[in-house]
Protein backbone atom coordinates (compact mmCIF):
# COMPACT_ATOMS: atom_id res chain seq x y z
CA UNK A 1 0.13 0.10 -0.01
CA UNK A 2 1.04 3.58 -1.14
CA UNK A 3 2.32 5.39 2.42
CA UNK A 4 1.53 8.72 1.26
CA UNK A 5 0.08 11.82 3.02
CA UNK A 6 -3.55 10.26 1.77
CA UNK A 7 -2.88 7.31 3.90
CA UNK A 8 -2.17 8.70 6.65
CA UNK A 9 -5.07 10.94 6.98
CA UNK A 10 -7.03 8.05 6.07
CA UNK A 11 -5.30 6.22 9.14
CA UNK A 12 -5.89 8.97 11.37
CA UNK A 13 -9.09 8.79 10.53
CA UNK A 14 -9.63 5.40 11.37
CA UNK A 15 -7.80 5.24 14.00
CA UNK A 16 -10.58 7.99 15.55
CA UNK A 17 -13.24 6.22 14.29
CA UNK A 18 -12.08 3.04 16.74
CA UNK A 19 -10.98 4.84 19.47
CA UNK A 20 -14.14 7.52 20.12
CA UNK A 21 -16.38 4.44 19.57
CA UNK A 22 -14.41 2.60 22.19
CA UNK A 23 -14.83 5.26 24.46
CA UNK A 24 -18.25 6.13 23.79
CA UNK A 25 -17.67 9.57 22.40
CA UNK A 26 -19.61 8.63 19.12
CA UNK A 27 -22.69 6.70 18.63
CA UNK A 28 -22.38 2.63 16.92
CA UNK A 29 -24.29 4.70 13.91
CA UNK A 30 -22.11 7.95 13.28
CA UNK A 31 -18.75 5.32 13.58
CA UNK A 32 -20.13 2.77 11.00
CA UNK A 33 -21.22 5.79 8.28
CA UNK A 34 -17.85 7.15 8.80
CA UNK A 35 -16.16 3.91 7.86
CA UNK A 36 -18.46 3.45 4.69
CA UNK A 37 -17.25 6.55 4.06
CA UNK A 38 -13.36 6.20 4.57
CA UNK A 39 -13.70 3.06 3.04
CA UNK A 40 -15.43 4.51 -0.50
CA UNK A 41 -12.46 7.21 -0.61
CA UNK A 42 -10.18 4.65 0.08
CA UNK A 43 -11.45 2.56 -2.58
CA UNK A 44 -11.72 5.63 -5.36
CA UNK A 45 -8.12 7.00 -4.49
CA UNK A 46 -6.77 3.57 -5.77
CA UNK A 47 -8.29 4.36 -8.86
CA UNK A 48 -8.18 8.06 -9.38
CA UNK A 49 -4.63 9.50 -8.18
CA UNK A 50 -6.18 13.24 -7.88
CA UNK A 51 -7.93 11.65 -5.05
CA UNK A 52 -5.43 11.40 -2.56
CA UNK A 53 -5.49 14.89 -1.15
CA UNK A 54 -2.44 15.71 1.08
CA UNK A 55 -4.66 17.77 3.30
CA UNK A 56 -7.97 17.21 5.69
CA UNK A 57 -9.38 20.36 4.50
CA UNK A 58 -9.59 18.84 0.73
CA UNK A 59 -10.03 15.36 2.59
CA UNK A 60 -13.13 16.37 4.93
CA UNK A 61 -15.66 17.71 2.24
CA UNK A 62 -15.35 14.20 -0.43
CA UNK A 63 -15.87 12.55 2.97
CA UNK A 64 -18.88 14.37 3.44
CA UNK A 65 -20.09 13.97 0.27
CA UNK A 66 -19.73 10.26 0.15
CA UNK A 67 -21.93 10.02 3.37
CA UNK A 68 -23.72 13.09 5.85
CA UNK A 69 -22.54 16.41 7.39
CA UNK A 70 -22.81 14.17 10.69
CA UNK A 71 -19.60 12.43 10.30
CA UNK A 72 -17.92 15.29 10.96
CA UNK A 73 -18.24 14.78 14.45
CA UNK A 74 -14.99 12.67 13.92
CA UNK A 75 -12.89 16.23 13.63
CA UNK A 76 -14.34 16.88 16.70
CA UNK A 77 -10.86 17.19 19.58
CA UNK A 78 -8.56 17.61 16.25
CA UNK A 79 -7.08 20.15 14.00
CA UNK A 80 -5.43 20.18 11.04
CA UNK A 81 -2.20 21.24 12.82
CA UNK A 82 -2.30 18.00 14.67
CA UNK A 83 -2.98 15.80 11.80
CA UNK A 84 -0.86 17.21 9.87
CA UNK A 85 1.74 17.09 12.30
CA UNK A 86 1.22 13.31 12.65
CA UNK A 87 1.28 12.91 9.52
CA UNK A 88 4.55 14.38 8.71
CA UNK A 89 6.35 12.46 11.41
CA UNK A 90 5.28 9.09 10.30
CA UNK A 91 6.40 9.63 6.76
CA UNK A 92 9.59 11.61 7.94
CA UNK A 93 10.40 8.45 9.91
CA UNK A 94 9.91 6.09 6.93
CA UNK A 95 12.40 8.54 4.76
CA UNK A 96 14.75 7.89 7.50
CA UNK A 97 14.44 4.36 7.68
CA UNK A 98 15.07 4.21 4.06
CA UNK A 99 18.40 6.15 4.98
CA UNK A 100 19.08 3.53 7.78
CA UNK A 101 18.88 0.80 5.45
CA UNK A 102 21.34 1.88 2.64
CA UNK A 103 23.80 3.10 5.59
CA UNK A 104 23.82 -0.57 7.15
CA UNK A 105 24.23 -1.30 3.57
CA UNK A 106 27.57 0.91 2.95
CA UNK A 107 28.69 -0.73 6.96
CA UNK A 108 28.08 -4.14 6.44
CA UNK A 109 30.04 -3.29 3.06
CA UNK A 110 33.28 -1.61 4.92
CA UNK A 111 32.98 -4.34 7.73
CA UNK A 112 33.62 -7.02 4.52
CA UNK A 113 36.83 -5.35 3.08
CA UNK A 114 38.36 -4.33 6.34
CA UNK A 115 38.14 -8.69 7.44
CA UNK A 116 39.65 -9.00 4.00
CA UNK A 117 42.02 -7.00 4.18
CA UNK A 118 43.07 -7.49 8.25
CA UNK A 119 46.93 -8.21 6.83
CA UNK A 120 47.18 -5.92 4.22
CA UNK A 121 49.88 -3.50 5.08
CA UNK A 122 49.44 -0.11 3.76
CA UNK A 123 50.71 3.77 4.24
CA UNK A 124 48.82 6.32 6.51
CA UNK A 125 49.10 10.13 5.60
CA UNK A 126 48.91 13.07 7.90
CA UNK A 127 48.87 16.47 6.96
CA UNK A 128 49.02 14.93 3.17
CA UNK A 129 52.40 13.45 4.04
CA UNK A 130 53.14 9.27 4.38
CA UNK A 131 53.40 8.68 8.39
CA UNK A 132 53.02 5.36 9.58
CA UNK A 133 52.27 1.63 8.32
CA UNK A 134 48.67 0.70 8.96
CA UNK A 135 46.59 -2.64 8.57
CA UNK A 136 43.88 -1.80 5.72
CA UNK A 137 41.62 -3.51 7.91
CA UNK A 138 42.22 -1.49 10.79
CA UNK A 139 41.87 1.66 8.73
CA UNK A 140 39.08 0.89 7.60
CA UNK A 141 37.23 -0.08 10.59
CA UNK A 142 38.33 3.62 11.66
CA UNK A 143 35.48 4.83 9.09
CA UNK A 144 33.12 1.79 10.60
CA UNK A 145 33.21 3.69 13.94
CA UNK A 146 31.99 7.07 12.44
CA UNK A 147 29.41 5.58 10.44
CA UNK A 148 28.25 3.63 13.61
CA UNK A 149 28.12 7.01 15.42
CA UNK A 150 25.87 8.51 12.24
CA UNK A 151 23.67 5.10 12.61
CA UNK A 152 23.17 5.76 16.54
CA UNK A 153 22.49 9.38 16.15
CA UNK A 154 19.56 8.06 13.48
CA UNK A 155 18.59 5.38 15.42
CA UNK A 156 17.90 7.65 18.77
CA UNK A 157 16.13 10.18 16.07
CA UNK A 158 13.64 7.29 15.52
CA UNK A 159 13.36 6.79 18.85
CA UNK A 160 12.71 10.56 19.78
CA UNK A 161 10.53 10.93 16.73
CA UNK A 162 7.92 7.94 17.54
CA UNK A 163 5.29 10.15 19.65
CA UNK A 164 2.32 11.31 18.48
CA UNK A 165 0.76 15.03 18.11
CA UNK A 166 -2.59 13.74 17.64
CA UNK A 167 -4.86 15.38 19.97
CA UNK A 168 -2.97 18.64 20.65
CA UNK A 169 -5.49 20.17 18.47
CA UNK A 170 -3.67 23.62 17.40
CA UNK A 171 -1.16 24.03 20.13
CA UNK A 172 -2.75 23.43 23.73
CA UNK A 173 -4.96 20.86 23.88
CA UNK A 174 -9.17 20.49 23.53
CA UNK A 175 -12.18 20.18 25.23
CA UNK A 176 -13.19 17.00 23.72
CA UNK A 177 -11.84 14.21 25.68
CA UNK A 178 -10.10 12.32 22.72
CA UNK A 179 -7.79 9.19 24.54
CA UNK A 180 -4.04 10.81 23.15
CA UNK A 181 -2.46 7.60 24.64
CA UNK A 182 -5.10 4.94 22.45
CA UNK A 183 -4.56 7.29 18.84
CA UNK A 184 -0.90 7.15 19.62
CA UNK A 185 -0.89 3.48 19.71
CA UNK A 186 -3.40 2.78 17.05
CA UNK A 187 -1.48 4.81 14.89
CA UNK A 188 2.49 2.97 15.88
CA UNK A 189 3.82 6.04 17.87
CA UNK A 190 5.08 4.73 21.40
CA UNK A 191 2.84 7.42 23.53
CA UNK A 192 1.92 11.22 22.42
CA UNK A 193 3.89 13.74 22.38
CA UNK A 194 3.74 15.16 26.42
CA UNK A 195 3.09 19.39 25.48
CA UNK A 196 0.54 20.09 23.10
CA UNK A 197 2.60 23.28 22.30
CA UNK A 198 5.36 21.13 21.22
CA UNK A 199 3.76 18.68 19.24
CA UNK A 200 2.20 20.86 16.63
CA UNK A 201 4.50 23.69 16.78
CA UNK A 202 8.17 22.42 17.65
CA UNK A 203 8.68 18.59 17.37
CA UNK A 204 7.78 18.49 13.98
CA UNK A 205 10.30 20.37 12.92
CA UNK A 206 13.01 19.50 15.29
CA UNK A 207 12.82 15.68 13.98
CA UNK A 208 13.75 16.37 9.94
CA UNK A 209 16.65 19.00 11.53
CA UNK A 210 17.94 15.50 13.39
CA UNK A 211 18.09 13.78 10.54
CA UNK A 212 19.26 16.68 8.56
CA UNK A 213 22.39 16.64 11.16
CA UNK A 214 22.93 12.91 10.86
CA UNK A 215 22.72 12.78 7.07
CA UNK A 216 25.58 15.63 6.81
CA UNK A 217 27.83 13.81 9.34
CA UNK A 218 27.47 10.89 6.58
CA UNK A 219 28.18 12.58 3.71
CA UNK A 220 31.08 14.26 5.39
CA UNK A 221 32.71 10.88 6.39
CA UNK A 222 31.79 9.44 3.15
CA UNK A 223 33.44 12.49 1.59
CA UNK A 224 36.47 11.78 3.42
CA UNK A 225 37.22 8.43 2.20
CA UNK A 226 36.41 9.14 -1.40
CA UNK A 227 39.17 11.90 -1.25
CA UNK A 228 41.67 9.59 0.61
CA UNK A 229 41.04 7.07 -2.43
CA UNK A 230 41.06 10.13 -5.03
CA UNK A 231 44.87 10.66 -3.51
CA UNK A 232 46.00 7.40 -5.82
CA UNK A 233 45.11 9.05 -9.02
CA UNK A 234 47.76 11.24 -8.49
CA UNK A 235 50.30 8.74 -8.57
CA UNK A 236 51.62 6.83 -11.52
CA UNK A 237 51.42 3.41 -9.44
CA UNK A 238 48.43 3.91 -7.56
CA UNK A 239 47.66 0.87 -4.77
CA UNK A 240 44.08 1.72 -4.40
CA UNK A 241 41.93 2.41 -7.35
CA UNK A 242 38.65 1.43 -9.52
CA UNK A 243 38.26 -1.66 -11.64
CA UNK A 244 37.99 0.07 -15.26
CA UNK A 245 35.20 0.03 -17.16
CA UNK A 246 31.22 0.09 -16.85
CA UNK A 247 30.65 3.44 -14.81
CA UNK A 248 33.41 3.11 -12.53
CA UNK A 249 35.74 4.57 -14.89
CA UNK A 250 35.39 6.66 -18.23
CA UNK A 251 38.96 7.45 -20.88
CA UNK A 252 40.14 10.85 -21.59
CA UNK A 253 38.99 12.53 -25.54
CA UNK A 254 42.06 13.77 -25.59
CA UNK A 255 44.77 12.23 -23.56
CA UNK A 256 45.04 8.02 -24.33
CA UNK A 257 46.65 7.13 -20.64
CA UNK A 258 43.15 8.36 -18.83
CA UNK A 259 41.13 6.72 -16.94
CA UNK A 260 38.96 9.16 -15.03
CA UNK A 261 37.20 7.70 -11.55
CA UNK A 262 33.58 9.22 -13.02
CA UNK A 263 32.23 6.37 -10.26
CA UNK A 264 33.83 8.85 -7.38
CA UNK A 265 33.35 12.20 -9.07
CA UNK A 266 29.63 11.58 -8.96
CA UNK A 267 29.30 10.26 -5.56
CA UNK A 268 31.50 13.17 -4.46
CA UNK A 269 29.28 15.16 -5.96
CA UNK A 270 26.08 13.47 -4.33
CA UNK A 271 28.05 14.21 -1.17
CA UNK A 272 27.82 17.93 -1.52
CA UNK A 273 23.95 17.89 -2.71
CA UNK A 274 23.21 16.06 0.65
CA UNK A 275 25.22 18.90 2.76
CA UNK A 276 23.14 21.78 0.46
CA UNK A 277 20.33 20.18 1.46
CA UNK A 278 21.06 19.28 5.20
CA UNK A 279 21.75 23.32 4.98
CA UNK A 280 18.23 23.82 3.40
CA UNK A 281 16.62 22.06 6.11
CA UNK A 282 18.18 24.35 8.77
CA UNK A 283 17.63 27.62 6.93
CA UNK A 284 13.77 27.01 6.26
CA UNK A 285 13.37 26.97 9.99
CA UNK A 286 16.01 29.41 11.36
CA UNK A 287 14.34 32.85 12.09
CA UNK A 288 10.86 31.72 11.92
CA UNK A 289 8.26 31.53 15.03
CA UNK A 290 7.43 28.19 16.80
CA UNK A 291 4.73 26.65 14.11
CA UNK A 292 5.52 28.15 11.15
CA UNK A 293 5.30 25.86 7.77
CA UNK A 294 8.12 26.69 6.63
CA UNK A 295 10.23 23.84 7.47
CA UNK A 296 7.52 20.85 7.97
CA UNK A 297 7.30 20.60 3.92
CA UNK A 298 7.00 16.36 3.22
CA UNK A 299 8.18 16.72 0.43
CA UNK A 300 11.45 19.27 0.89
CA UNK A 301 12.23 16.83 3.88
CA UNK A 302 12.09 13.59 2.15
CA UNK A 303 14.23 15.05 -1.08
CA UNK A 304 17.08 15.03 1.80
CA UNK A 305 16.65 11.69 2.47
CA UNK A 306 16.57 10.50 -1.10
CA UNK A 307 19.66 12.43 -1.81
CA UNK A 308 21.47 10.87 0.97
CA UNK A 309 20.36 6.97 -0.18
CA UNK A 310 21.42 8.29 -3.74
CA UNK A 311 24.63 8.72 -2.03
CA UNK A 312 25.28 5.86 -0.34
CA UNK A 313 23.89 3.67 -2.63
CA UNK A 314 26.65 5.04 -5.17
CA UNK A 315 29.64 4.94 -2.48
CA UNK A 316 28.69 1.11 -1.82
CA UNK A 317 28.99 0.63 -5.68
CA UNK A 318 32.60 2.60 -5.03
CA UNK A 319 33.62 0.34 -1.98
CA UNK A 320 32.51 -2.73 -4.55
CA UNK A 321 34.57 -1.37 -7.59
CA UNK A 322 37.70 -0.92 -5.50
CA UNK A 323 41.21 -2.73 -6.71
CA UNK A 324 44.08 -3.13 -3.46
CA UNK A 325 47.28 -4.22 -4.51
CA UNK A 326 48.78 -5.06 -1.19
CA UNK A 327 51.95 -5.79 -2.62
CA UNK A 328 51.71 -1.98 -4.48
CA UNK A 329 51.73 -0.80 -1.07
CA UNK A 330 54.11 -2.38 0.90
CA UNK A 331 56.52 -1.03 -1.79
CA UNK A 332 55.52 2.22 -1.08
CA UNK A 333 55.90 1.91 2.73
CA UNK A 334 59.52 0.37 1.73
CA UNK A 335 60.10 3.22 -0.25
CA UNK A 336 59.78 5.90 2.06
CA UNK A 337 60.67 6.31 5.95
CA UNK A 338 56.89 5.72 7.52
CA UNK A 339 58.84 3.26 10.18
CA UNK A 340 61.43 5.79 11.19
CA UNK A 341 59.31 6.21 14.38
CA UNK A 342 59.92 2.89 15.56
CA UNK A 343 63.48 3.05 15.95
CA UNK A 344 63.35 6.23 18.34
CA UNK A 345 60.32 3.72 20.37
CA UNK A 346 62.35 0.70 20.45
CA UNK A 347 65.69 2.69 21.65
CA UNK A 348 63.28 4.12 24.76
CA UNK A 349 61.11 0.72 25.29
CA UNK A 350 63.97 -1.78 25.35
CA UNK A 351 67.38 0.27 26.19
CA UNK A 352 66.19 3.13 28.11
CA UNK A 353 67.56 6.10 26.04
CA UNK A 354 64.97 9.17 26.38
CA UNK A 355 62.64 9.00 23.64
CA UNK A 356 63.59 12.64 22.19
CA UNK A 357 67.06 11.64 21.75
CA UNK A 358 66.14 8.61 19.84
CA UNK A 359 63.79 10.71 17.52
CA UNK A 360 66.71 12.73 17.08
CA UNK A 361 68.62 9.93 16.05
CA UNK A 362 66.24 8.62 13.67
CA UNK A 363 65.72 11.94 12.19
CA UNK A 364 69.27 12.10 11.58
CA UNK A 365 69.07 8.95 9.58
CA UNK A 366 66.55 9.89 7.48
CA UNK A 367 68.10 13.12 6.81
CA UNK A 368 70.73 11.45 5.57
CA UNK A 369 69.13 9.13 3.75
CA UNK A 370 67.15 11.06 1.79
CA UNK A 371 70.10 13.23 0.96
CA UNK A 372 71.99 10.34 -0.15
CA UNK A 373 68.77 8.61 -1.83
CA UNK A 374 68.77 5.40 0.18
CA UNK A 375 65.70 3.98 0.94
CA UNK A 376 65.28 2.02 4.55
CA UNK A 377 66.16 -1.42 3.14
CA UNK A 378 69.39 0.04 1.87
CA UNK A 379 70.74 2.16 4.68
CA UNK A 380 73.88 0.66 6.22
CA UNK A 381 73.47 -0.29 9.90
CA UNK A 382 77.15 0.96 10.41
CA UNK A 383 75.93 4.38 9.54
CA UNK A 384 73.28 4.53 11.85
CA UNK A 385 75.50 3.91 14.68
CA UNK A 386 77.67 6.69 13.43
CA UNK A 387 74.68 8.59 13.62
CA UNK A 388 73.48 7.49 16.74
CA UNK A 389 77.18 8.12 18.42
CA UNK A 390 77.26 11.33 17.38
CA UNK A 391 73.89 12.43 18.83
CA UNK A 392 74.46 10.97 22.06
CA UNK A 393 77.63 12.54 22.68
CA UNK A 394 76.26 15.89 22.02
CA UNK A 395 73.18 15.34 23.54
CA UNK A 396 73.00 12.71 25.67
CA UNK A 397 76.83 12.29 26.82
CA UNK A 398 76.09 10.32 30.15
CA UNK A 399 74.97 7.27 28.13
CA UNK A 400 77.08 5.19 26.25
CA UNK A 401 77.74 6.10 22.18
CA UNK A 402 77.43 2.51 21.39
CA UNK A 403 74.07 1.48 19.29
CA UNK A 404 72.31 -0.86 21.68
CA UNK A 405 70.43 -2.56 19.04
CA UNK A 406 71.79 -5.14 16.98
CA UNK A 407 71.41 -5.22 13.07
CA UNK A 408 68.71 -7.69 13.01
CA UNK A 409 66.72 -5.77 15.86
CA UNK A 410 67.54 -2.33 13.25
CA UNK A 411 65.98 -4.32 10.27
CA UNK A 412 63.27 -5.59 11.85
CA UNK A 413 62.00 -2.09 13.55
CA UNK A 414 62.14 -0.59 9.35
CA UNK A 415 59.75 -3.51 8.66
CA UNK A 416 56.24 -2.14 8.05
CA UNK A 417 54.50 -5.28 8.54
CA UNK A 418 56.33 -6.32 12.02
CA UNK A 419 55.43 -2.66 13.30
CA UNK A 420 51.97 -3.29 12.93
CA UNK A 421 51.94 -7.02 14.23
CA UNK A 422 54.06 -5.47 17.40
CA UNK A 423 51.28 -2.76 18.25
CA UNK A 424 50.66 -3.30 21.85
CA UNK A 425 47.73 -0.67 22.95
CA UNK A 426 44.08 -1.45 22.59
CA UNK A 427 42.36 -0.15 19.40
CA UNK A 428 45.76 -0.61 17.71
CA UNK A 429 45.98 -2.17 14.18
CA UNK A 430 47.79 -5.47 15.50
CA UNK A 431 45.69 -8.44 13.74
CA UNK A 432 43.92 -9.45 17.29
CA UNK A 433 42.76 -5.67 17.77
CA UNK A 434 41.49 -5.62 14.17
CA UNK A 435 39.60 -9.03 14.34
CA UNK A 436 38.12 -8.10 18.45
CA UNK A 437 37.02 -4.76 16.95
CA UNK A 438 35.52 -6.17 13.69
CA UNK A 439 33.14 -8.21 15.96
CA UNK A 440 32.08 -5.57 18.16
CA UNK A 441 31.45 -3.52 15.25
CA UNK A 442 29.40 -6.01 14.21
CA UNK A 443 27.74 -6.44 17.09
CA UNK A 444 27.45 -2.94 17.52
CA UNK A 445 25.33 -2.68 13.93
CA UNK A 446 23.39 -5.72 14.66
CA UNK A 447 21.78 -4.28 17.64
CA UNK A 448 21.22 -0.97 15.94
CA UNK A 449 19.29 -2.73 13.14
CA UNK A 450 17.41 -4.60 15.52
CA UNK A 451 16.03 -1.60 16.93
CA UNK A 452 15.21 -0.05 13.80
CA UNK A 453 13.73 -3.68 12.67
CA UNK A 454 11.59 -3.33 16.13
CA UNK A 455 10.34 0.63 15.14
CA UNK A 456 9.46 -0.50 11.86
CA UNK A 457 7.67 -3.96 12.65
CA UNK A 458 5.70 -1.73 15.86
CA UNK A 459 4.62 0.43 13.32
CA UNK A 460 3.64 -2.57 11.21
CA UNK A 461 1.45 -4.24 13.46
CA UNK A 462 -0.19 -1.46 14.53
CA UNK A 463 -1.72 -0.40 11.54
CA UNK A 464 -2.86 -3.82 10.69
CA UNK A 465 -4.60 -3.96 13.92
CA UNK A 466 -6.23 -0.95 13.26
CA UNK A 467 -7.26 -2.43 9.98
CA UNK A 468 -8.72 -5.40 11.60
CA UNK A 469 -10.66 -3.34 14.41
CA UNK A 470 -11.46 -0.69 11.63
CA UNK A 471 -13.31 -3.21 9.20
CA UNK A 472 -15.50 -4.77 12.35
CA UNK A 473 -17.13 -1.22 11.82
CA UNK A 474 -17.86 -1.79 7.87
């Protein structure tokens, strides 16, 4: 069944008939009359799209025409304000769930990549400069952690949005004793919004703003990964790029060697569109008094969700199209000095040398290696012995100028793979920690998914029960 404004106006009317009749507020005759009219409007709307109106002031005249003015009693204790607010929150929830589904797909893809590349050693960069060796699996799990925070924000938004405005009337309640809690349950909400003013003037705006903020964060995290991959395209021999062909890449019209990453370019543009939509949501509700309609548009707010889903679906294609060359990544690591900090660390940890002194010795080694165009594997052990002695005599003469590390230890300290394996702290790139984080993050995603599934199921069961209760009046 199509869930749109018309669907929810009808559902609210059905709930009103059921709840008011159960409370004895309307007669059995009026309940049956209203039910027949609501059913007739739904049948007409299935074949004539023009009948799927999105405002109660357009819906009610059709209901009266199909029945009698007597049915307007069901509008007692209600207003277009609380009906529209309820409808908007219900539709916004569906948009949020579509974003959640798309985000879950991306997180699962990243978890799978991280598992497959647990032992792939790659360079990581800070300030745009190669900094240290890392496990690609560990790096990808860092991105998973960020996306899980976004997922938690959306889950929390769902929980905060699961409250019904029905019965708030315009903004201060009503003298008609409509059972707000029963209305909320019938429509699949957890409970009524406690404050009637909040229910129609603030909560229906807060919800899309909160979802927009989470979507903006998702776009930022997506763009961060895309740009990290894009850097590789500046290299003549990248270690990570898109598989060629299809929508992944396209050739230059003038330069035969170029394979432009079109899929990533489009996904990055998608991320910009999400951020633009996020700002539009915030700007529409900025600087207006409570209750104005500026920020309540279902179509405009849903555009943010649809744009975010499109970005995530394309980003999932990017992840699936990645070709990662672990040997080439290791070659890049071994061609630079990203392992040099390990020299200082081991001199301190294993031999008690002050860290800064060891750091200066390692820095001297890197400077000399770059001057002589030497890679780590080619730097002579004797050269390190000499540099160490010079630094210690000048800066820490109370220590022995003899390099305490054996040549085997020196070579091992410059091996990117051994560096990663030897990490000792929690959350590090050590294989055991990568495995543990993978399990933890998978469990977190499962728990979050159970919450959104439960929310979806609560709504489904409530509407199913409502249909059965309403059918009794037909």
